[in-house]
Amino acid sequence: MLVPLAVRRFIPSLCALSLGCTLLASHAADTPLMQGAGVAITTADLHNELQRMPAEMRAQYLDNAQALGEVVGTMYLRRALATRAEQQALQRQPRTAYELQSLREGVLADAEAARVIDAVQPGDAILEQRARSIYRGEPQRFEEPAQQRASHILIKGSDDAAKARAQKLLDDLKAGADFAALAKQYSEDPSSGARGGDLGWFGKGKMVAPFEAAVEALQQPGALSPLVATQFGWHIIRLQERKPATTRSYEEVRDTLKAEVLTDLRKQARSGLLNDLREQSKGDATALEAFMAEEKAKLPAAAESKPQ
C-alpha cells in the first residue's frame, strides 16, 4: 500500500504555521510511536493525521501495520526536518516565510469555508418540501424504462459451418437440452458463457439491432429465438423475464433527494461567501501592468537566433 501524497510531502507542522499545537482529539495515553533527533510522533499525532484521510483509506491503513508504520516514519522525518529548519532559522528566509504564510492561509481559508458550509442545517421540513418539489417537477428523472433479461449462446463466424454448429445446438435445445449447460460448454462469448449464457438486465438500445429485434419478438419467458446473425456471429437467444417501464416512488428516492437538496444549499452558501468577498474587492489594473513590465525586465533575454 502506498503512502498518500498528502502524507509523504514534507509539509511543515501546524505548530510551524503558528496555528498552535492543540490536539484535535484527546487521548488518555499520548504514547510515543517514534522518536529521535529531538522530536516524537505520538498516538495523538497519528490520530490527527488519519483524520485527514477519507474513511475508507483510514480503514485500509488500520488493517495494515506495515503501511501505517510507513506513515509514522514519514511524519517523523517531516517533523525532524522541520525542527532542524527552525533551528537554522530557515523560516525567516523570504521564500520560506511566504510558503509558510501561504500554507497557513490555505488551512484557514478551508476552515472558514467549512464553517460556513457546515452552518447550513435546514430543518427536515424544508428538505422534505424541496425534495418533493424536485420529484414533482422532474418526473423524467425517476422513470425506469422497460427491461428484459435474456441468455444467449454465441457461435462466432458467418460461414455455413458456423451456422450449422449453431443450428445443431438449437435443435438440441428444442429437444430438451439444458440451455445453461450448453452455453457453458459451447458459447464463444466467454463472459456470459461462464454464467450459463446470462446477459443480465438490459433496456432498449443496449444490444445490436438484430439481437434486440429477436428479443422483442419472444413472447414468453423460456422462449427460444431462431438463429440470429450479427457481426459477432450466430446467436441462440432465450428470454428469461421482462420488467415493464415504471416510475420510482417518492419513498424510494426521498433520502437521495433530501441529500441532494442539502448539498445544493451548501454549494449555494459557499458560492455566496465567495461572491460576497469578490464584491468587496477592488483591483488596480495599472499597478498590475506595471508589475508585469518590471518582472518581465528581470527575465533573461532570449538568445537571438543566428543565420545559418
C-alpha atoms as a PDB file:
ATOM      1  CA  MET A   1       0.000   0.000   0.000  1.00  0.00           C
ATOM      2  CA  LEU A   2       1.421   3.404  -0.980  1.00  0.00           C
ATOM      3  CA  VAL A   3       1.604   6.270   1.487  1.00  0.00           C
ATOM      4  CA  PRO A   4      -0.653   9.047   0.087  1.00  0.00           C
ATOM      5  CA  LEU A   5       0.901  12.168  -1.361  1.00  0.00           C
ATOM      6  CA  ALA A   6      -0.653  14.314   1.365  1.00  0.00           C
ATOM      7  CA  VAL A   7       1.227  12.222   3.952  1.00  0.00           C
ATOM      8  CA  ARG A   8       4.516  11.924   2.066  1.00  0.00           C
ATOM      9  CA  ARG A   9       5.043  15.608   1.344  1.00  0.00           C
ATOM     10  CA  PHE A  10       7.390  17.433   3.691  1.00  0.00           C
ATOM     11  CA  ILE A  11       4.764  19.951   4.802  1.00  0.00           C
ATOM     12  CA  PRO A  12       5.632  21.874   7.987  1.00  0.00           C
ATOM     13  CA  SER A  13       3.541  21.086  11.036  1.00  0.00           C
ATOM     14  CA  LEU A  14       0.707  23.317  12.171  1.00  0.00           C
ATOM     15  CA  CYS A  15       2.946  24.496  15.012  1.00  0.00           C
ATOM     16  CA  ALA A  16       5.379  25.858  12.433  1.00  0.00           C
ATOM     17  CA  LEU A  17       2.480  27.739  10.837  1.00  0.00           C
ATOM     18  CA  SER A  18       1.753  29.482  14.145  1.00  0.00           C
ATOM     19  CA  LEU A  19      -1.622  27.788  14.397  1.00  0.00           C
ATOM     20  CA  GLY A  20      -0.771  26.314  17.766  1.00  0.00           C
ATOM     21  CA  CYS A  21      -0.213  22.740  18.823  1.00  0.00           C
ATOM     22  CA  THR A  22      -3.633  21.985  20.330  1.00  0.00           C
ATOM     23  CA  LEU A  23      -4.582  18.404  19.550  1.00  0.00           C
ATOM     24  CA  LEU A  24      -7.816  17.752  17.708  1.00  0.00           C
ATOM     25  CA  ALA A  25      -8.532  14.646  19.756  1.00  0.00           C
ATOM     26  CA  SER A  26      -7.948  13.773  23.395  1.00  0.00           C
ATOM     27  CA  HIS A  27      -6.162  10.528  24.204  1.00  0.00           C
ATOM     28  CA  ALA A  28      -5.867   9.118  27.691  1.00  0.00           C
ATOM     29  CA  ALA A  29      -2.326   7.956  26.900  1.00  0.00           C
ATOM     30  CA  ASP A  30      -0.468  10.012  24.307  1.00  0.00           C
ATOM     31  CA  THR A  31       2.044   7.269  23.580  1.00  0.00           C
ATOM     32  CA  PRO A  32       5.190   7.950  21.530  1.00  0.00           C
ATOM     33  CA  LEU A  33       5.268   5.791  18.409  1.00  0.00           C
ATOM     34  CA  MET A  34       8.605   7.002  17.042  1.00  0.00           C
ATOM     35  CA  GLN A  35      11.134   9.419  18.468  1.00  0.00           C
ATOM     36  CA  GLY A  36      14.631  10.713  17.854  1.00  0.00           C
ATOM     37  CA  ALA A  37      16.531  13.822  16.761  1.00  0.00           C
ATOM     38  CA  GLY A  38      14.725  15.746  19.484  1.00  0.00           C
ATOM     39  CA  VAL A  39      11.198  15.060  18.165  1.00  0.00           C
ATOM     40  CA  ALA A  40       8.489  12.433  18.664  1.00  0.00           C
ATOM     41  CA  ILE A  41       5.421  11.185  16.848  1.00  0.00           C
ATOM     42  CA  THR A  42       2.671  10.150  19.241  1.00  0.00           C
ATOM     43  CA  THR A  43      -0.622   8.332  19.026  1.00  0.00           C
ATOM     44  CA  ALA A  44      -2.421  11.688  19.086  1.00  0.00           C
ATOM     45  CA  ASP A  45      -0.336  12.885  16.133  1.00  0.00           C
ATOM     46  CA  LEU A  46      -1.176   9.747  14.177  1.00  0.00           C
ATOM     47  CA  HIS A  47      -4.857  10.060  15.045  1.00  0.00           C
ATOM     48  CA  ASN A  48      -4.916  13.607  13.681  1.00  0.00           C
ATOM     49  CA  GLU A  49      -3.031  12.568  10.547  1.00  0.00           C
ATOM     50  CA  LEU A  50      -5.536   9.775   9.887  1.00  0.00           C
ATOM     51  CA  GLN A  51      -8.422  12.222  10.206  1.00  0.00           C
ATOM     52  CA  ARG A  52      -7.116  13.967   7.100  1.00  0.00           C
ATOM     53  CA  MET A  53      -7.803  10.826   5.061  1.00  0.00           C
ATOM     54  CA  PRO A  54     -11.137   9.520   3.725  1.00  0.00           C
ATOM     55  CA  ALA A  55     -12.737   6.920   5.984  1.00  0.00           C
ATOM     56  CA  GLU A  56     -12.110   4.112   3.502  1.00  0.00           C
ATOM     57  CA  MET A  57      -8.390   4.922   3.355  1.00  0.00           C
ATOM     58  CA  ARG A  58      -8.207   5.089   7.157  1.00  0.00           C
ATOM     59  CA  ALA A  59      -9.708   1.628   7.383  1.00  0.00           C
ATOM     60  CA  GLN A  60      -7.112   0.281   4.940  1.00  0.00           C
ATOM     61  CA  TYR A  61      -4.234   1.682   6.970  1.00  0.00           C
ATOM     62  CA  LEU A  62      -5.693   0.410  10.234  1.00  0.00           C
ATOM     63  CA  ASP A  63      -5.692  -3.095   8.737  1.00  0.00           C
ATOM     64  CA  ASN A  64      -2.050  -2.857   7.624  1.00  0.00           C
ATOM     65  CA  ALA A  65       0.565  -2.316  10.340  1.00  0.00           C
ATOM     66  CA  GLN A  66       3.430  -2.044   7.856  1.00  0.00           C
ATOM     67  CA  ALA A  67       1.724   0.678   5.817  1.00  0.00           C
ATOM     68  CA  LEU A  68       0.707   2.561   8.957  1.00  0.00           C
ATOM     69  CA  GLY A  69       4.271   2.316  10.194  1.00  0.00           C
ATOM     70  CA  GLU A  70       5.416   3.951   6.959  1.00  0.00           C
ATOM     71  CA  VAL A  71       3.010   6.816   7.650  1.00  0.00           C
ATOM     72  CA  VAL A  72       4.532   7.231  11.126  1.00  0.00           C
ATOM     73  CA  GLY A  73       8.016   7.160   9.612  1.00  0.00           C
ATOM     74  CA  THR A  74       7.105   9.844   7.110  1.00  0.00           C
ATOM     75  CA  MET A  75       5.587  12.000   9.848  1.00  0.00           C
ATOM     76  CA  TYR A  76       8.772  11.621  11.898  1.00  0.00           C
ATOM     77  CA  LEU A  77      11.012  12.670   9.003  1.00  0.00           C
ATOM     78  CA  ARG A  78       8.759  15.626   8.266  1.00  0.00           C
ATOM     79  CA  ARG A  79       8.836  16.827  11.873  1.00  0.00           C
ATOM     80  CA  ALA A  80      12.575  16.202  12.295  1.00  0.00           C
ATOM     81  CA  LEU A  81      13.363  18.133   9.122  1.00  0.00           C
ATOM     82  CA  ALA A  82      11.034  20.970  10.111  1.00  0.00           C
ATOM     83  CA  THR A  83      12.686  21.180  13.543  1.00  0.00           C
ATOM     84  CA  ARG A  84      16.151  21.311  12.011  1.00  0.00           C
ATOM     85  CA  ALA A  85      14.952  24.010   9.610  1.00  0.00           C
ATOM     86  CA  GLU A  86      13.662  26.103  12.523  1.00  0.00           C
ATOM     87  CA  GLN A  87      16.989  25.673  14.330  1.00  0.00           C
ATOM     88  CA  GLN A  88      18.656  27.064  11.221  1.00  0.00           C
ATOM     89  CA  ALA A  89      16.135  29.954  11.161  1.00  0.00           C
ATOM     90  CA  LEU A  90      15.054  28.944   7.661  1.00  0.00           C
ATOM     91  CA  GLN A  91      11.544  30.140   8.447  1.00  0.00           C
ATOM     92  CA  ARG A  92      12.902  33.691   8.266  1.00  0.00           C
ATOM     93  CA  GLN A  93      14.069  33.368   4.690  1.00  0.00           C
ATOM     94  CA  PRO A  94      11.685  35.341   2.439  1.00  0.00           C
ATOM     95  CA  ARG A  95      10.693  32.457   0.185  1.00  0.00           C
ATOM     96  CA  THR A  96      10.225  30.012   3.050  1.00  0.00           C
ATOM     97  CA  ALA A  97       8.312  32.621   5.068  1.00  0.00           C
ATOM     98  CA  TYR A  98       5.964  33.173   2.140  1.00  0.00           C
ATOM     99  CA  GLU A  99       5.409  29.426   1.698  1.00  0.00           C
ATOM    100  CA  LEU A 100       4.515  29.154   5.396  1.00  0.00           C
ATOM    101  CA  GLN A 101       2.154  32.102   5.110  1.00  0.00           C
ATOM    102  CA  SER A 102       0.536  30.600   2.009  1.00  0.00           C
ATOM    103  CA  LEU A 103       0.033  27.246   3.711  1.00  0.00           C
ATOM    104  CA  ARG A 104      -1.397  28.950   6.803  1.00  0.00           C
ATOM    105  CA  GLU A 105      -3.810  30.974   4.688  1.00  0.00           C
ATOM    106  CA  GLY A 106      -4.880  27.844   2.818  1.00  0.00           C
ATOM    107  CA  VAL A 107      -5.648  25.958   6.029  1.00  0.00           C
ATOM    108  CA  LEU A 108      -7.584  28.880   7.479  1.00  0.00           C
ATOM    109  CA  ALA A 109      -9.443  29.536   4.208  1.00  0.00           C
ATOM    110  CA  ASP A 110     -10.558  25.909   4.068  1.00  0.00           C
ATOM    111  CA  ALA A 111     -11.608  26.066   7.709  1.00  0.00           C
ATOM    112  CA  GLU A 112     -13.724  29.191   7.158  1.00  0.00           C
ATOM    113  CA  ALA A 113     -15.376  27.735   4.051  1.00  0.00           C
ATOM    114  CA  ALA A 114     -16.122  24.542   6.000  1.00  0.00           C
ATOM    115  CA  ARG A 115     -17.592  26.588   8.867  1.00  0.00           C
ATOM    116  CA  VAL A 116     -19.970  28.410   6.521  1.00  0.00           C
ATOM    117  CA  ILE A 117     -20.958  25.194   4.768  1.00  0.00           C
ATOM    118  CA  ASP A 118     -21.480  23.233   7.988  1.00  0.00           C
ATOM    119  CA  ALA A 119     -23.638  26.052   9.348  1.00  0.00           C
ATOM    120  CA  VAL A 120     -26.244  25.259   6.672  1.00  0.00           C
ATOM    121  CA  GLN A 121     -28.546  22.976   8.646  1.00  0.00           C
ATOM    122  CA  PRO A 122     -32.062  23.307   7.214  1.00  0.00           C
ATOM    123  CA  GLY A 123     -34.823  21.599   9.098  1.00  0.00           C
ATOM    124  CA  ASP A 124     -36.271  18.327   7.878  1.00  0.00           C
ATOM    125  CA  ALA A 125     -39.484  20.091   6.822  1.00  0.00           C
ATOM    126  CA  ILE A 126     -37.560  22.299   4.387  1.00  0.00           C
ATOM    127  CA  LEU A 127     -35.614  19.341   2.979  1.00  0.00           C
ATOM    128  CA  GLU A 128     -38.838  17.385   2.591  1.00  0.00           C
ATOM    129  CA  GLN A 129     -40.621  20.259   0.855  1.00  0.00           C
ATOM    130  CA  ARG A 130     -37.828  20.851  -1.638  1.00  0.00           C
ATOM    131  CA  ALA A 131     -37.316  17.146  -2.263  1.00  0.00           C
ATOM    132  CA  ARG A 132     -40.994  16.722  -3.104  1.00  0.00           C
ATOM    133  CA  SER A 133     -40.803  19.748  -5.377  1.00  0.00           C
ATOM    134  CA  ILE A 134     -37.950  18.147  -7.326  1.00  0.00           C
ATOM    135  CA  TYR A 135     -39.850  14.882  -7.552  1.00  0.00           C
ATOM    136  CA  ARG A 136     -42.941  16.594  -8.950  1.00  0.00           C
ATOM    137  CA  GLY A 137     -41.021  18.956 -11.239  1.00  0.00           C
ATOM    138  CA  GLU A 138     -38.629  16.432 -12.809  1.00  0.00           C
ATOM    139  CA  PRO A 139     -40.659  13.242 -13.256  1.00  0.00           C
ATOM    140  CA  GLN A 140     -38.444  12.013 -16.111  1.00  0.00           C
ATOM    141  CA  ARG A 141     -35.568  11.569 -13.667  1.00  0.00           C
ATOM    142  CA  PHE A 142     -37.402   8.814 -11.861  1.00  0.00           C
ATOM    143  CA  GLU A 143     -38.651   6.801 -14.815  1.00  0.00           C
ATOM    144  CA  GLU A 144     -37.317   3.271 -15.084  1.00  0.00           C
ATOM    145  CA  PRO A 145     -37.525   2.068 -18.713  1.00  0.00           C
ATOM    146  CA  ALA A 146     -38.755  -1.382 -19.627  1.00  0.00           C
ATOM    147  CA  GLN A 147     -36.053  -4.018 -19.373  1.00  0.00           C
ATOM    148  CA  GLN A 148     -35.574  -7.599 -20.295  1.00  0.00           C
ATOM    149  CA  ARG A 149     -33.246 -10.333 -19.174  1.00  0.00           C
ATOM    150  CA  ALA A 150     -32.026 -12.857 -21.690  1.00  0.00           C
ATOM    151  CA  SER A 151     -29.409 -15.544 -22.206  1.00  0.00           C
ATOM    152  CA  HIS A 152     -27.629 -16.421 -25.398  1.00  0.00           C
ATOM    153  CA  ILE A 153     -25.228 -18.874 -26.949  1.00  0.00           C
ATOM    154  CA  LEU A 154     -22.804 -17.332 -29.445  1.00  0.00           C
ATOM    155  CA  ILE A 155     -21.075 -19.209 -32.238  1.00  0.00           C
ATOM    156  CA  LYS A 156     -18.577 -16.928 -33.932  1.00  0.00           C
ATOM    157  CA  GLY A 157     -18.295 -16.774 -37.692  1.00  0.00           C
ATOM    158  CA  SER A 158     -20.609 -16.096 -40.614  1.00  0.00           C
ATOM    159  CA  ASP A 159     -19.915 -19.104 -42.801  1.00  0.00           C
ATOM    160  CA  ASP A 160     -22.071 -22.183 -43.305  1.00  0.00           C
ATOM    161  CA  ALA A 161     -20.005 -24.264 -40.898  1.00  0.00           C
ATOM    162  CA  ALA A 162     -20.612 -21.816 -38.034  1.00  0.00           C
ATOM    163  CA  LYS A 163     -24.304 -21.665 -38.872  1.00  0.00           C
ATOM    164  CA  ALA A 164     -24.513 -25.461 -38.893  1.00  0.00           C
ATOM    165  CA  ARG A 165     -22.900 -25.678 -35.462  1.00  0.00           C
ATOM    166  CA  ALA A 166     -25.370 -23.126 -34.111  1.00  0.00           C
ATOM    167  CA  GLN A 167     -28.304 -24.955 -35.711  1.00  0.00           C
ATOM    168  CA  LYS A 168     -27.234 -28.234 -34.093  1.00  0.00           C
ATOM    169  CA  LEU A 169     -27.242 -26.551 -30.673  1.00  0.00           C
ATOM    170  CA  LEU A 170     -30.669 -25.025 -31.346  1.00  0.00           C
ATOM    171  CA  ASP A 171     -32.033 -28.452 -32.326  1.00  0.00           C
ATOM    172  CA  ASP A 172     -30.628 -29.929 -29.110  1.00  0.00           C
ATOM    173  CA  LEU A 173     -32.297 -27.187 -27.073  1.00  0.00           C
ATOM    174  CA  LYS A 174     -35.639 -27.787 -28.754  1.00  0.00           C
ATOM    175  CA  ALA A 175     -35.235 -31.457 -27.888  1.00  0.00           C
ATOM    176  CA  GLY A 176     -34.877 -30.580 -24.212  1.00  0.00           C
ATOM    177  CA  ALA A 177     -31.140 -29.948 -23.658  1.00  0.00           C
ATOM    178  CA  ASP A 178     -30.168 -27.669 -20.777  1.00  0.00           C
ATOM    179  CA  PHE A 179     -29.511 -24.148 -22.062  1.00  0.00           C
ATOM    180  CA  ALA A 180     -27.075 -23.123 -19.312  1.00  0.00           C
ATOM    181  CA  ALA A 181     -25.041 -26.298 -19.700  1.00  0.00           C
ATOM    182  CA  LEU A 182     -24.719 -25.874 -23.477  1.00  0.00           C
ATOM    183  CA  ALA A 183     -23.841 -22.194 -23.067  1.00  0.00           C
ATOM    184  CA  LYS A 184     -21.053 -23.002 -20.621  1.00  0.00           C
ATOM    185  CA  GLN A 185     -19.679 -25.686 -22.937  1.00  0.00           C
ATOM    186  CA  TYR A 186     -20.096 -24.169 -26.399  1.00  0.00           C
ATOM    187  CA  SER A 187     -20.785 -20.422 -26.259  1.00  0.00           C
ATOM    188  CA  GLU A 188     -17.932 -18.348 -27.636  1.00  0.00           C
ATOM    189  CA  ASP A 189     -18.915 -15.349 -25.558  1.00  0.00           C
ATOM    190  CA  PRO A 190     -16.647 -16.080 -22.557  1.00  0.00           C
ATOM    191  CA  SER A 191     -18.243 -13.510 -20.284  1.00  0.00           C
ATOM    192  CA  SER A 192     -21.839 -14.664 -20.493  1.00  0.00           C
ATOM    193  CA  GLY A 193     -20.918 -18.264 -21.289  1.00  0.00           C
ATOM    194  CA  ALA A 194     -19.390 -18.697 -17.843  1.00  0.00           C
ATOM    195  CA  ARG A 195     -22.772 -17.644 -16.412  1.00  0.00           C
ATOM    196  CA  GLY A 196     -24.747 -20.111 -18.486  1.00  0.00           C
ATOM    197  CA  GLY A 197     -25.334 -17.508 -21.189  1.00  0.00           C
ATOM    198  CA  ASP A 198     -26.969 -14.983 -18.831  1.00  0.00           C
ATOM    199  CA  LEU A 199     -26.677 -11.404 -20.158  1.00  0.00           C
ATOM    200  CA  GLY A 200     -28.407  -9.809 -17.174  1.00  0.00           C
ATOM    201  CA  TRP A 201     -30.945  -6.986 -17.440  1.00  0.00           C
ATOM    202  CA  PHE A 202     -30.778  -4.564 -20.355  1.00  0.00           C
ATOM    203  CA  GLY A 203     -33.012  -1.921 -21.885  1.00  0.00           C
ATOM    204  CA  LYS A 204     -33.776  -0.726 -25.363  1.00  0.00           C
ATOM    205  CA  GLY A 205     -30.752   0.337 -27.383  1.00  0.00           C
ATOM    206  CA  LYS A 206     -28.239  -1.670 -25.361  1.00  0.00           C
ATOM    207  CA  MET A 207     -27.900  -4.502 -27.869  1.00  0.00           C
ATOM    208  CA  VAL A 208     -27.216  -4.517 -31.626  1.00  0.00           C
ATOM    209  CA  ALA A 209     -30.371  -4.139 -33.702  1.00  0.00           C
ATOM    210  CA  PRO A 210     -30.848  -7.756 -34.928  1.00  0.00           C
ATOM    211  CA  PHE A 211     -30.319  -9.098 -31.403  1.00  0.00           C
ATOM    212  CA  GLU A 212     -32.715  -6.568 -29.894  1.00  0.00           C
ATOM    213  CA  ALA A 213     -35.382  -7.302 -32.516  1.00  0.00           C
ATOM    214  CA  ALA A 214     -35.119 -11.030 -31.808  1.00  0.00           C
ATOM    215  CA  VAL A 215     -35.559 -10.483 -28.073  1.00  0.00           C
ATOM    216  CA  GLU A 216     -38.564  -8.233 -28.652  1.00  0.00           C
ATOM    217  CA  ALA A 217     -40.177 -10.963 -30.768  1.00  0.00           C
ATOM    218  CA  LEU A 218     -40.045 -13.510 -27.938  1.00  0.00           C
ATOM    219  CA  GLN A 219     -43.354 -13.575 -26.108  1.00  0.00           C
ATOM    220  CA  GLN A 220     -42.946 -15.797 -23.065  1.00  0.00           C
ATOM    221  CA  PRO A 221     -40.082 -16.406 -20.615  1.00  0.00           C
ATOM    222  CA  GLY A 222     -38.219 -19.522 -21.701  1.00  0.00           C
ATOM    223  CA  ALA A 223     -38.968 -18.983 -25.407  1.00  0.00           C
ATOM    224  CA  LEU A 224     -36.107 -19.612 -27.844  1.00  0.00           C
ATOM    225  CA  SER A 225     -35.293 -17.459 -30.859  1.00  0.00           C
ATOM    226  CA  PRO A 226     -34.384 -18.833 -34.267  1.00  0.00           C
ATOM    227  CA  LEU A 227     -30.749 -18.325 -35.235  1.00  0.00           C
ATOM    228  CA  VAL A 228     -29.874 -14.613 -35.171  1.00  0.00           C
ATOM    229  CA  ALA A 229     -26.984 -13.291 -37.263  1.00  0.00           C
ATOM    230  CA  THR A 230     -24.996 -10.248 -36.091  1.00  0.00           C
ATOM    231  CA  GLN A 231     -21.495  -9.004 -36.723  1.00  0.00           C
ATOM    232  CA  PHE A 232     -20.401 -11.177 -33.793  1.00  0.00           C
ATOM    233  CA  GLY A 233     -21.659 -14.447 -35.257  1.00  0.00           C
ATOM    234  CA  TRP A 234     -24.730 -16.647 -34.747  1.00  0.00           C
ATOM    235  CA  HIS A 235     -26.840 -16.293 -31.605  1.00  0.00           C
ATOM    236  CA  ILE A 236     -29.409 -18.502 -29.955  1.00  0.00           C
ATOM    237  CA  ILE A 237     -31.407 -16.366 -27.537  1.00  0.00           C
ATOM    238  CA  ARG A 238     -33.657 -17.406 -24.665  1.00  0.00           C
ATOM    239  CA  LEU A 239     -35.888 -14.848 -22.945  1.00  0.00           C
ATOM    240  CA  GLN A 240     -35.607 -15.034 -19.176  1.00  0.00           C
ATOM    241  CA  GLU A 241     -38.035 -12.366 -17.950  1.00  0.00           C
ATOM    242  CA  ARG A 242     -39.300  -8.840 -18.578  1.00  0.00           C
ATOM    243  CA  LYS A 243     -39.909  -5.793 -16.408  1.00  0.00           C
ATOM    244  CA  PRO A 244     -42.344  -3.138 -17.639  1.00  0.00           C
ATOM    245  CA  ALA A 245     -41.498   0.552 -17.529  1.00  0.00           C
ATOM    246  CA  THR A 246     -42.108   2.009 -14.072  1.00  0.00           C
ATOM    247  CA  THR A 247     -41.660   5.220 -12.125  1.00  0.00           C
ATOM    248  CA  ARG A 248     -39.778   5.047  -8.853  1.00  0.00           C
ATOM    249  CA  SER A 249     -41.953   6.150  -5.957  1.00  0.00           C
ATOM    250  CA  TYR A 250     -41.125   9.206  -3.900  1.00  0.00           C
ATOM    251  CA  GLU A 251     -40.476   6.963  -0.918  1.00  0.00           C
ATOM    252  CA  GLU A 252     -37.763   5.158  -2.887  1.00  0.00           C
ATOM    253  CA  VAL A 253     -35.882   8.343  -3.745  1.00  0.00           C
ATOM    254  CA  ARG A 254     -36.725  10.547  -0.740  1.00  0.00           C
ATOM    255  CA  ASP A 255     -33.380  10.136   1.062  1.00  0.00           C
ATOM    256  CA  THR A 256     -31.383  10.691  -2.122  1.00  0.00           C
ATOM    257  CA  LEU A 257     -33.332  13.838  -2.962  1.00  0.00           C
ATOM    258  CA  LYS A 258     -33.032  15.270   0.539  1.00  0.00           C
ATOM    259  CA  ALA A 259     -29.273  14.724   0.420  1.00  0.00           C
ATOM    260  CA  GLU A 260     -29.226  16.429  -2.985  1.00  0.00           C
ATOM    261  CA  VAL A 261     -31.115  19.420  -1.599  1.00  0.00           C
ATOM    262  CA  LEU A 262     -28.707  19.736   1.330  1.00  0.00           C
ATOM    263  CA  THR A 263     -25.697  19.551  -0.994  1.00  0.00           C
ATOM    264  CA  ASP A 264     -27.169  22.242  -3.255  1.00  0.00           C
ATOM    265  CA  LEU A 265     -27.900  24.540  -0.309  1.00  0.00           C
ATOM    266  CA  ARG A 266     -24.358  24.158   0.936  1.00  0.00           C
ATOM    267  CA  LYS A 267     -22.932  24.839  -2.521  1.00  0.00           C
ATOM    268  CA  GLN A 268     -25.053  27.988  -2.672  1.00  0.00           C
ATOM    269  CA  ALA A 269     -23.721  29.066   0.730  1.00  0.00           C
ATOM    270  CA  ARG A 270     -20.135  28.599  -0.422  1.00  0.00           C
ATOM    271  CA  SER A 271     -20.782  30.455  -3.686  1.00  0.00           C
ATOM    272  CA  GLY A 272     -22.475  33.256  -1.758  1.00  0.00           C
ATOM    273  CA  LEU A 273     -19.473  33.564   0.549  1.00  0.00           C
ATOM    274  CA  LEU A 274     -17.009  33.776  -2.365  1.00  0.00           C
ATOM    275  CA  ASN A 275     -19.190  36.209  -4.324  1.00  0.00           C
ATOM    276  CA  ASP A 276     -19.547  38.453  -1.285  1.00  0.00           C
ATOM    277  CA  LEU A 277     -15.773  38.578  -0.881  1.00  0.00           C
ATOM    278  CA  ARG A 278     -15.287  39.263  -4.598  1.00  0.00           C
ATOM    279  CA  GLU A 279     -17.735  42.171  -4.436  1.00  0.00           C
ATOM    280  CA  GLN A 280     -15.652  43.699  -1.644  1.00  0.00           C
ATOM    281  CA  SER A 281     -12.501  43.568  -3.755  1.00  0.00           C
ATOM    282  CA  LYS A 282     -11.137  46.323  -5.954  1.00  0.00           C
ATOM    283  CA  GLY A 283      -8.381  45.624  -8.455  1.00  0.00           C
ATOM    284  CA  ASP A 284      -5.742  48.033  -9.730  1.00  0.00           C
ATOM    285  CA  ALA A 285      -5.079  47.277 -13.404  1.00  0.00           C
ATOM    286  CA  THR A 286      -2.439  49.995 -13.668  1.00  0.00           C
ATOM    287  CA  ALA A 287      -0.432  48.559 -10.798  1.00  0.00           C
ATOM    288  CA  LEU A 288      -0.725  45.078 -12.268  1.00  0.00           C
ATOM    289  CA  GLU A 289       0.572  46.187 -15.648  1.00  0.00           C
ATOM    290  CA  ALA A 290       3.480  47.999 -14.002  1.00  0.00           C
ATOM    291  CA  PHE A 291       4.322  44.859 -12.043  1.00  0.00           C
ATOM    292  CA  MET A 292       4.246  42.750 -15.223  1.00  0.00           C
ATOM    293  CA  ALA A 293       6.596  45.140 -17.007  1.00  0.00           C
ATOM    294  CA  GLU A 294       9.007  45.184 -14.065  1.00  0.00           C
ATOM    295  CA  GLU A 295       9.073  41.401 -13.734  1.00  0.00           C
ATOM    296  CA  LYS A 296       9.498  40.875 -17.473  1.00  0.00           C
ATOM    297  CA  ALA A 297      12.540  43.140 -17.386  1.00  0.00           C
ATOM    298  CA  LYS A 298      14.141  40.784 -14.889  1.00  0.00           C
ATOM    299  CA  LEU A 299      13.764  37.740 -17.156  1.00  0.00           C
ATOM    300  CA  PRO A 300      16.866  36.525 -19.049  1.00  0.00           C
ATOM    301  CA  ALA A 301      16.959  37.955 -22.553  1.00  0.00           C
ATOM    302  CA  ALA A 302      16.030  35.419 -25.221  1.00  0.00           C
ATOM    303  CA  ALA A 303      19.006  34.269 -27.253  1.00  0.00           C
ATOM    304  CA  GLU A 304      18.971  35.756 -30.709  1.00  0.00           C
ATOM    305  CA  SER A 305      18.828  33.224 -33.476  1.00  0.00           C
ATOM    306  CA  LYS A 306      21.841  33.361 -35.744  1.00  0.00           C
ATOM    307  CA  PRO A 307      21.500  32.895 -39.524  1.00  0.00           C
ATOM    308  CA  GLN A 308      22.973  29.678 -40.778  1.00  0.00           C
END
